[in-house]
Protein backbone atom coordinates (compact mmCIF):
# COMPACT_ATOMS: atom_id res chain seq x y z
CA UNK A 1 18.79 -15.98 -16.06
CA UNK A 2 17.76 -12.13 -15.81
CA UNK A 3 19.00 -11.53 -12.35
CA UNK A 4 22.36 -10.34 -13.62
CA UNK A 5 20.66 -7.18 -14.92
CA UNK A 6 21.20 -4.37 -12.62
CA UNK A 7 18.61 -1.65 -11.51
CA UNK A 8 20.16 0.71 -14.08
CA UNK A 9 19.05 -1.55 -16.48
CA UNK A 10 15.64 -1.94 -15.09
CA UNK A 11 15.21 1.69 -14.88
CA UNK A 12 16.40 2.45 -18.62
CA UNK A 13 13.59 -0.13 -19.51
CA UNK A 14 11.27 1.63 -17.70
CA UNK A 15 11.92 4.91 -19.35
CA UNK A 16 11.20 3.28 -22.37
CA UNK A 17 7.38 2.76 -21.74
CA UNK A 18 4.67 4.27 -24.02
CA UNK A 19 4.80 6.11 -21.01
CA UNK A 20 2.15 6.55 -18.46
CA UNK A 21 4.32 9.38 -16.58
CA UNK A 22 7.60 9.57 -17.75
CA UNK A 23 9.88 11.29 -20.82
CA UNK A 24 7.39 10.11 -23.35
CA UNK A 25 4.57 12.48 -23.48
CA UNK A 26 1.75 12.82 -25.93
CA UNK A 27 2.16 14.63 -28.80
CA UNK A 28 -1.34 15.22 -30.24
CA UNK A 29 -1.77 15.45 -33.57
CA UNK A 30 -5.81 15.40 -33.67
CA UNK A 31 -7.41 17.94 -35.51
CA UNK A 32 -9.54 19.87 -33.01
CA UNK A 33 -13.30 19.35 -33.39
CA UNK A 34 -15.66 21.22 -35.58
CA UNK A 35 -16.63 24.85 -33.64
CA UNK A 36 -19.72 24.39 -31.74
CA UNK A 37 -22.92 26.67 -32.65
CA UNK A 38 -22.66 30.09 -31.87
CA UNK A 39 -23.25 30.93 -27.93
CA UNK A 40 -24.53 33.44 -26.00
CA UNK A 41 -22.91 34.95 -22.93
CA UNK A 42 -24.62 32.23 -20.52
CA UNK A 43 -22.69 29.40 -22.61
CA UNK A 44 -26.25 28.10 -23.80
CA UNK A 45 -26.53 27.18 -27.44
CA UNK A 46 -28.30 30.38 -29.23
CA UNK A 47 -31.67 29.32 -30.42
CA UNK A 48 -32.09 26.23 -27.91
CA UNK A 49 -33.53 26.12 -24.55
CA UNK A 50 -30.47 23.65 -23.42
CA UNK A 51 -29.04 24.71 -19.99
CA UNK A 52 -25.43 24.46 -19.71
CA UNK A 53 -24.09 21.60 -17.77
CA UNK A 54 -23.52 22.64 -14.01
CA UNK A 55 -19.70 22.55 -12.93
CA UNK A 56 -18.17 19.31 -11.17
CA UNK A 57 -18.60 19.72 -7.43
CA UNK A 58 -15.29 21.74 -5.38
CA UNK A 59 -13.24 18.53 -4.19
CA UNK A 60 -14.49 15.77 -6.50
CA UNK A 61 -12.57 13.69 -8.82
CA UNK A 62 -14.16 15.04 -11.81
CA UNK A 63 -13.24 18.80 -10.91
CA UNK A 64 -9.41 17.57 -9.77
CA UNK A 65 -9.33 15.99 -13.28
CA UNK A 66 -10.49 19.01 -15.02
CA UNK A 67 -8.15 21.18 -13.06
CA UNK A 68 -6.18 23.91 -14.55
CA UNK A 69 -3.30 22.56 -12.67
CA UNK A 70 -3.13 19.79 -15.22
CA UNK A 71 -0.70 20.28 -18.03
CA UNK A 72 -2.44 20.67 -21.74
CA UNK A 73 -0.45 17.68 -23.00
CA UNK A 74 -1.75 15.59 -20.26
CA UNK A 75 -5.31 16.33 -20.40
CA UNK A 76 -5.06 15.89 -24.27
CA UNK A 77 -4.37 12.11 -22.94
CA UNK A 78 -7.58 11.71 -21.37
CA UNK A 79 -9.60 10.49 -24.18
CA UNK A 80 -7.07 7.45 -24.23
CA UNK A 81 -6.54 6.96 -20.44
CA UNK A 82 -9.88 7.55 -18.92
CA UNK A 83 -8.59 8.45 -15.48
CA UNK A 84 -12.17 9.47 -13.89
CA UNK A 85 -13.73 6.05 -15.13
CA UNK A 86 -10.69 3.82 -14.26
CA UNK A 87 -10.05 5.40 -10.42
CA UNK A 88 -13.94 5.18 -10.10
CA UNK A 89 -13.54 1.12 -10.97
CA UNK A 90 -10.70 0.69 -8.60
CA UNK A 91 -13.18 2.49 -5.66
CA UNK A 92 -10.66 5.29 -5.03
CA UNK A 93 -12.37 7.51 -2.23
CA UNK A 94 -10.49 10.69 -1.14
CA UNK A 95 -10.13 9.43 2.47
CA UNK A 96 -7.77 6.39 1.36
CA UNK A 97 -4.34 5.83 1.57
CA UNK A 98 -3.05 5.76 -1.37
CA UNK A 99 0.41 4.50 -3.16
CA UNK A 100 1.19 4.84 -6.58
CA UNK A 101 4.26 2.96 -8.08
CA UNK A 102 6.86 4.77 -10.38
CA UNK A 103 4.65 7.64 -10.92
CA UNK A 104 7.52 9.20 -13.14
CA UNK A 105 6.96 12.65 -14.30
CA UNK A 106 3.37 12.82 -12.56
CA UNK A 107 0.37 12.34 -14.76
CA UNK A 108 -1.50 10.63 -12.17
CA UNK A 109 0.00 12.51 -9.46
CA UNK A 110 -1.56 15.20 -10.53
CA UNK A 111 -5.11 13.82 -9.86
CA UNK A 112 -4.19 11.44 -6.90
CA UNK A 113 -2.57 14.03 -4.83
CA UNK A 114 -4.84 16.91 -4.77
CA UNK A 115 -8.11 14.42 -4.53
CA UNK A 116 -7.10 12.80 -1.42
CA UNK A 117 -5.22 16.00 0.13
CA UNK A 118 -6.04 17.23 3.54
CA UNK A 119 -8.53 13.97 3.69
CA UNK A 120 -6.30 10.80 3.19
CA UNK A 121 -2.87 10.36 1.92
CA UNK A 122 -0.82 10.10 -1.09
CA UNK A 123 2.38 8.34 -1.18
CA UNK A 124 4.87 8.18 -4.36
CA UNK A 125 6.88 5.16 -4.63
CA UNK A 126 9.40 6.87 -7.05
CA UNK A 127 12.31 5.21 -8.86
CA UNK A 128 15.28 4.36 -6.89
CA UNK A 129 18.40 6.21 -7.84
CA UNK A 130 20.87 4.06 -7.51
CA UNK A 131 24.08 6.05 -7.82
CA UNK A 132 22.61 9.05 -8.36
CA UNK A 133 22.95 9.34 -12.27
CA UNK A 134 20.62 9.06 -15.27
CA UNK A 135 17.00 10.11 -16.29
CA UNK A 136 15.45 8.56 -13.17
CA UNK A 137 16.43 11.01 -10.38
CA UNK A 138 15.93 13.99 -13.04
CA UNK A 139 12.28 12.61 -13.20
CA UNK A 140 12.24 12.37 -8.98
CA UNK A 141 13.38 15.78 -9.01
CA UNK A 142 11.16 17.51 -11.24
CA UNK A 143 8.21 15.63 -9.62
CA UNK A 144 9.19 16.35 -6.14
CA UNK A 145 10.02 20.15 -7.10
CA UNK A 146 6.42 20.45 -8.59
CA UNK A 147 4.74 18.91 -5.43
CA UNK A 148 6.52 21.50 -3.10
CA UNK A 149 6.07 24.39 -5.08
CA UNK A 150 2.17 24.16 -4.26
CA UNK A 151 1.48 22.43 -1.18
CA UNK A 152 -2.02 23.74 -0.98
CA UNK A 153 -2.86 21.79 -4.16
CA UNK A 154 -0.99 18.49 -3.64
CA UNK A 155 -1.11 18.24 0.35
CA UNK A 156 1.62 16.22 2.21
CA UNK A 157 2.84 13.93 -0.33
CA UNK A 158 5.31 10.89 1.02
CA UNK A 159 8.01 9.81 -1.20
CA UNK A 160 9.61 6.03 -1.32
CA UNK A 161 12.04 4.71 -3.31
CA UNK A 162 10.88 1.49 -5.08
CA UNK A 163 13.17 -1.01 -7.10
CA UNK A 164 15.17 -4.20 -6.90
CA UNK A 165 15.68 -4.70 -3.07
CA UNK A 166 14.35 -1.44 -2.04
CA UNK A 167 10.45 -2.80 -1.84
CA UNK A 168 9.44 -0.74 1.33
CA UNK A 169 6.72 1.39 -0.25
CA UNK A 170 4.87 2.18 2.69
CA UNK A 171 4.31 0.83 6.17
CA UNK A 172 3.08 -2.97 6.14
CA UNK A 173 -0.42 -3.25 5.97
CA UNK A 174 -1.14 0.69 6.13
CA UNK A 175 -2.14 1.32 2.29
CA UNK A 176 -6.19 1.04 1.51
CA UNK A 177 -5.25 1.08 -2.25
CA UNK A 178 -1.66 0.66 -4.61
CA UNK A 179 -2.32 1.63 -8.16
CA UNK A 180 0.68 0.95 -10.81
CA UNK A 181 0.25 1.89 -14.65
CA UNK A 182 2.07 0.31 -17.48
CA UNK A 183 4.97 -0.95 -15.25
CA UNK A 184 4.36 -4.49 -15.14
CA UNK A 185 6.51 -5.20 -18.69
CA UNK A 186 9.48 -3.34 -17.03
CA UNK A 187 9.54 -5.36 -13.97
CA UNK A 188 9.37 -8.70 -16.17
CA UNK A 189 12.09 -7.15 -18.08
CA UNK A 190 14.56 -7.44 -15.00
CA UNK A 191 13.10 -10.30 -13.53
CA UNK A 192 11.63 -7.93 -10.82
CA UNK A 193 7.77 -8.58 -11.13
CA UNK A 194 7.49 -11.06 -8.32
CA UNK A 195 9.31 -9.11 -5.75
CA UNK A 196 7.28 -6.03 -6.84
CA UNK A 197 3.98 -7.74 -6.62
CA UNK A 198 5.19 -8.96 -3.46
CA UNK A 199 6.01 -5.58 -1.94
CA UNK A 200 2.83 -4.27 -3.11
CA UNK A 201 1.01 -6.94 -1.30
CA UNK A 202 2.71 -6.29 1.93
CA UNK A 203 1.95 -2.64 1.89
CA UNK A 204 -1.73 -3.14 1.56
CA UNK A 205 -4.44 -3.47 4.49
CA UNK A 206 -6.12 -7.09 4.45
CA UNK A 207 -9.40 -6.02 1.84
CA UNK A 208 -6.98 -3.14 0.56
CA UNK A 209 -7.14 -2.83 -3.52
CA UNK A 210 -4.41 -3.35 -6.25
CA UNK A 211 -5.29 -1.54 -9.31
CA UNK A 212 -3.30 -2.49 -12.20
CA UNK A 213 -3.41 -1.11 -15.95
CA UNK A 214 -0.95 -2.60 -18.41
CA UNK A 215 -0.59 -3.04 -22.05
CA UNK A 216 -2.62 -6.09 -23.05
CA UNK A 217 -0.80 -8.96 -24.98
CA UNK A 218 -2.60 -11.34 -27.46
CA UNK A 219 -3.44 -14.29 -25.27
CA UNK A 220 -3.22 -16.32 -28.64
CA UNK A 221 0.49 -15.88 -28.13
CA UNK A 222 3.13 -17.16 -25.60
CA UNK A 223 4.21 -14.66 -23.16
CA UNK A 224 7.94 -13.30 -23.73
CA UNK A 225 9.06 -13.49 -20.43
CA UNK A 226 10.75 -10.20 -20.50
CA UNK A 227 8.11 -8.75 -22.20
CA UNK A 228 10.48 -7.03 -24.95
CA UNK A 229 7.93 -5.53 -27.13
CA UNK A 230 5.93 -4.07 -24.01
CA UNK A 231 2.80 -6.19 -24.24
CA UNK A 232 1.93 -8.43 -21.36
CA UNK A 233 -1.47 -11.16 -21.47
CA UNK A 234 -3.78 -10.67 -19.03
CA UNK A 235 -3.09 -14.56 -17.44
CA UNK A 236 0.27 -13.44 -16.79
CA UNK A 237 -0.75 -10.34 -14.99
CA UNK A 238 -3.24 -12.36 -12.83
CA UNK A 239 -0.57 -14.91 -12.20
CA UNK A 240 1.67 -12.81 -10.71
CA UNK A 241 -1.02 -11.12 -8.59
CA UNK A 242 -2.43 -14.45 -7.12
CA UNK A 243 1.05 -15.61 -6.57
CA UNK A 244 1.79 -12.69 -4.58
CA UNK A 245 -1.50 -13.69 -2.16
CA UNK A 246 -4.00 -11.51 -4.16
CA UNK A 247 -7.44 -12.43 -5.11
CA UNK A 248 -8.88 -11.41 -8.81
CA UNK A 249 -11.86 -9.43 -8.04
CA UNK A 250 -12.90 -7.71 -11.57
CA UNK A 251 -11.94 -6.63 -14.73
CA UNK A 252 -12.68 -3.69 -16.94
CA UNK A 253 -12.70 -2.81 -20.57
CA UNK A 254 -12.15 1.04 -19.71
CA UNK A 255 -8.79 1.08 -21.53
CA UNK A 256 -9.24 -1.24 -24.24
CA UNK A 257 -8.63 -0.52 -27.85
CA UNK A 258 -9.32 -2.88 -30.60
CA UNK A 259 -7.86 -0.93 -33.01
CA UNK A 260 -4.59 -2.08 -31.19
CA UNK A 261 -3.05 -5.15 -33.58
CA UNK A 262 -0.19 -5.53 -31.06
CA UNK A 263 2.38 -6.49 -33.91
CA UNK A 264 4.26 -3.11 -34.12
CA UNK A 265 7.70 -2.89 -35.48
CA UNK A 266 8.92 -1.28 -32.43
CA UNK A 267 6.25 -2.97 -30.09
CA UNK A 268 3.93 -0.84 -27.98
CA UNK A 269 6.59 2.13 -28.23
CA UNK A 270 5.32 2.33 -32.22
CA UNK A 271 2.18 4.11 -30.90
CA UNK A 272 1.19 7.54 -29.36
CA UNK A 273 2.64 8.97 -27.08
CA UNK A 274 6.21 7.61 -28.16
CA UNK A 275 5.94 7.39 -32.17
CA UNK A 276 9.05 5.78 -32.14
CA UNK A 277 9.42 5.19 -35.71
CA UNK A 278 9.23 9.19 -35.67
CA UNK A 279 7.25 10.41 -38.53
CA UNK A 280 7.20 7.02 -40.59
CA UNK A 281 3.45 6.17 -40.47
CA UNK A 282 2.77 8.64 -38.22
CA UNK A 283 -1.02 9.43 -39.41
CA UNK A 284 -1.51 5.58 -39.42
CA UNK A 285 -0.31 4.97 -35.65
CA UNK A 286 -2.19 8.18 -34.55
CA UNK A 287 -5.53 6.64 -35.90
CA UNK A 288 -4.50 3.74 -33.73
CA UNK A 289 -4.03 5.64 -30.28
CA UNK A 290 -2.76 4.51 -27.45
CA UNK A 291 -2.27 0.71 -26.50
CA UNK A 292 -4.75 -1.70 -26.04
CA UNK A 293 -4.68 -1.84 -22.04
CA UNK A 294 -5.94 -4.11 -19.42
CA UNK A 295 -7.55 -2.79 -16.14
CA UNK A 296 -7.65 -5.43 -13.17
CA UNK A 297 -8.78 -5.19 -9.89
CA UNK A 298 -7.17 -7.36 -7.33
CA UNK A 299 -8.04 -7.41 -3.43
CA UNK A 300 -5.77 -8.60 -0.55
CA UNK A 301 -7.63 -11.21 1.27
CA UNK A 302 -9.16 -10.70 5.01
CA UNK A 303 -8.64 -14.09 6.12
CA UNK A 304 -7.28 -14.41 9.27
CA UNK A 305 -4.16 -15.68 8.09
CA UNK A 306 -3.62 -12.26 6.73
CA UNK A 307 -4.89 -10.11 9.21
CA UNK A 308 -1.39 -10.26 10.84
CA UNK A 309 -0.48 -7.50 8.38
CA UNK A 310 -2.74 -5.09 9.33
CA UNK A 311 -0.89 -4.42 12.66
CA UNK A 312 0.10 -0.94 12.20
């Protein structure tokens, strides 16, 4: 029924997410924490014997996340998005061939690309630009320009187009890991979800990992097939993944938010960072925080029947 929707409609929907990486950046309104006790020049608390924490090891995931290259408005969202714990749960290693689906402005690009630079590979499966108009191409260009401006940081980044009819995100059977953050509802909006999961399955090696983070819908309510409020049930995502051939490996509550009632007037976009209601009840929604999210790990089976995908 929804196949008549154009890719332009899909792209427009993707830019309305309470967004992982795109236009709707966080606008943190939290008060700063109370100041610490007076410190001496060594960084230890005055009058105590506490030794300052050692800096993270160079090249570690922790060090990349703490890097000064990340924008302040991005690091302000770490408390909601938990990038270190999320990527550790998925099993990310610096030597992996990693594909990220629709990185948008590059919230996770700033972590993933530097982490694997020189040791693994990062591919950004960006928006298919269609006729070359609209906001998607602007996001793509901004991301490409930023990556090109600092090759020492980002390494060699590969860009591929992803959208209906353009699903060759990486050579078949080449990726160790495919990651997608808050995109499933966009694919459902244009009847593209099954095709998207099939593309991710095709790109992965047998034994490869698919990591999915998505706004989690109320399991007691029927799933809207187009996910108009931005929420998707875990059952729906698992069904999509398993229908494409994946095995469900693990679930995590890293990105859970029990304060999210999931019944907001503008759907998930009522919450930060979108604040679709503007200043109306802004403090209330800031107190809720970003959405309740599922964090799911899937694996491409290593059975004989699947082994032919690892031909490259």
